[in-house]
């Protein structure tokens, strides 16, 4: 279970407030543009990211991205 810290809450709010089609984000497989966001169970937000080197969209968990950003 993930503990809701002020940092996690801020990160999730920033994901939710991002502008689809213009906000860049670094992911485990490359930098891309957020194309859409949606809520999932609990506190998590799922984002669809278009990474230029990959066909289609890739889905990422906000918690996964937050933990990657913290390393």
C-alpha atoms as a PDB file:
ATOM      1  CA  UNK A   1       0.000   0.000   0.000  1.00  0.00           C
ATOM      2  CA  UNK A   2       1.295   3.441  -0.902  1.00  0.00           C
ATOM      3  CA  UNK A   3       1.461   6.101   1.777  1.00  0.00           C
ATOM      4  CA  UNK A   4      -0.029   9.416   0.726  1.00  0.00           C
ATOM      5  CA  UNK A   5       2.712  11.960   1.320  1.00  0.00           C
ATOM      6  CA  UNK A   6       2.494  15.668   0.505  1.00  0.00           C
ATOM      7  CA  UNK A   7       4.976  15.048  -2.333  1.00  0.00           C
ATOM      8  CA  UNK A   8       2.835  12.262  -3.837  1.00  0.00           C
ATOM      9  CA  UNK A   9      -0.298  14.393  -3.565  1.00  0.00           C
ATOM     10  CA  UNK A  10       1.457  17.299  -5.320  1.00  0.00           C
ATOM     11  CA  UNK A  11       2.751  14.987  -8.074  1.00  0.00           C
ATOM     12  CA  UNK A  12      -0.721  13.507  -8.689  1.00  0.00           C
ATOM     13  CA  UNK A  13      -2.270  16.987  -8.777  1.00  0.00           C
ATOM     14  CA  UNK A  14       0.322  18.079 -11.333  1.00  0.00           C
ATOM     15  CA  UNK A  15      -0.466  15.027 -13.485  1.00  0.00           C
ATOM     16  CA  UNK A  16      -4.185  15.705 -13.259  1.00  0.00           C
ATOM     17  CA  UNK A  17      -3.719  19.400 -14.094  1.00  0.00           C
ATOM     18  CA  UNK A  18      -1.395  18.732 -17.040  1.00  0.00           C
ATOM     19  CA  UNK A  19      -2.552  19.884 -20.462  1.00  0.00           C
ATOM     20  CA  UNK A  20      -3.168  16.923 -22.764  1.00  0.00           C
ATOM     21  CA  UNK A  21      -1.126  17.168 -25.923  1.00  0.00           C
ATOM     22  CA  UNK A  22       1.438  19.647 -24.598  1.00  0.00           C
ATOM     23  CA  UNK A  23       2.810  18.429 -21.251  1.00  0.00           C
ATOM     24  CA  UNK A  24       6.087  16.500 -21.527  1.00  0.00           C
ATOM     25  CA  UNK A  25       6.934  13.742 -19.066  1.00  0.00           C
ATOM     26  CA  UNK A  26       9.897  11.442 -18.553  1.00  0.00           C
ATOM     27  CA  UNK A  27       8.916   7.756 -18.377  1.00  0.00           C
ATOM     28  CA  UNK A  28      10.919   4.548 -17.857  1.00  0.00           C
ATOM     29  CA  UNK A  29      11.034   4.042 -21.645  1.00  0.00           C
ATOM     30  CA  UNK A  30      11.551   7.595 -22.881  1.00  0.00           C
ATOM     31  CA  UNK A  31      10.257  11.145 -22.842  1.00  0.00           C
ATOM     32  CA  UNK A  32       6.826  11.717 -24.293  1.00  0.00           C
ATOM     33  CA  UNK A  33       3.732  13.896 -24.333  1.00  0.00           C
ATOM     34  CA  UNK A  34       0.759  13.206 -22.048  1.00  0.00           C
ATOM     35  CA  UNK A  35      -2.293  12.688 -24.252  1.00  0.00           C
ATOM     36  CA  UNK A  36      -4.886  11.894 -21.592  1.00  0.00           C
ATOM     37  CA  UNK A  37      -5.335  11.295 -17.880  1.00  0.00           C
ATOM     38  CA  UNK A  38      -7.865   9.258 -15.928  1.00  0.00           C
ATOM     39  CA  UNK A  39      -8.417   8.292 -12.346  1.00  0.00           C
ATOM     40  CA  UNK A  40      -8.033   4.720 -11.169  1.00  0.00           C
ATOM     41  CA  UNK A  41      -8.844   3.009  -7.899  1.00  0.00           C
ATOM     42  CA  UNK A  42      -7.612   4.802  -4.805  1.00  0.00           C
ATOM     43  CA  UNK A  43      -5.321   7.785  -5.274  1.00  0.00           C
ATOM     44  CA  UNK A  44      -3.646   6.747  -8.516  1.00  0.00           C
ATOM     45  CA  UNK A  45      -3.939   8.487 -11.875  1.00  0.00           C
ATOM     46  CA  UNK A  46      -3.205   6.712 -15.137  1.00  0.00           C
ATOM     47  CA  UNK A  47      -1.690   8.695 -17.987  1.00  0.00           C
ATOM     48  CA  UNK A  48      -1.499   7.827 -21.676  1.00  0.00           C
ATOM     49  CA  UNK A  49       1.787   8.990 -23.153  1.00  0.00           C
ATOM     50  CA  UNK A  50       2.837   9.299 -26.794  1.00  0.00           C
ATOM     51  CA  UNK A  51       6.541   8.484 -27.025  1.00  0.00           C
ATOM     52  CA  UNK A  52       7.967   9.457 -30.435  1.00  0.00           C
ATOM     53  CA  UNK A  53      10.005   6.247 -30.900  1.00  0.00           C
ATOM     54  CA  UNK A  54       7.014   3.975 -30.116  1.00  0.00           C
ATOM     55  CA  UNK A  55       3.841   3.447 -32.160  1.00  0.00           C
ATOM     56  CA  UNK A  56       0.596   4.184 -30.349  1.00  0.00           C
ATOM     57  CA  UNK A  57       0.166   5.225 -26.737  1.00  0.00           C
ATOM     58  CA  UNK A  58       1.709   3.754 -23.609  1.00  0.00           C
ATOM     59  CA  UNK A  59      -0.149   3.747 -20.282  1.00  0.00           C
ATOM     60  CA  UNK A  60       1.637   4.556 -17.041  1.00  0.00           C
ATOM     61  CA  UNK A  61       0.561   4.559 -13.426  1.00  0.00           C
ATOM     62  CA  UNK A  62       1.110   7.876 -11.682  1.00  0.00           C
ATOM     63  CA  UNK A  63       2.542   6.036  -8.673  1.00  0.00           C
ATOM     64  CA  UNK A  64       5.029   4.245 -10.952  1.00  0.00           C
ATOM     65  CA  UNK A  65       6.110   7.572 -12.454  1.00  0.00           C
ATOM     66  CA  UNK A  66       6.341   9.187  -9.007  1.00  0.00           C
ATOM     67  CA  UNK A  67       8.534   6.383  -7.664  1.00  0.00           C
ATOM     68  CA  UNK A  68      10.764   6.548 -10.758  1.00  0.00           C
ATOM     69  CA  UNK A  69      11.127  10.309 -10.305  1.00  0.00           C
ATOM     70  CA  UNK A  70      12.221   9.821  -6.684  1.00  0.00           C
ATOM     71  CA  UNK A  71      15.124   7.464  -7.478  1.00  0.00           C
END
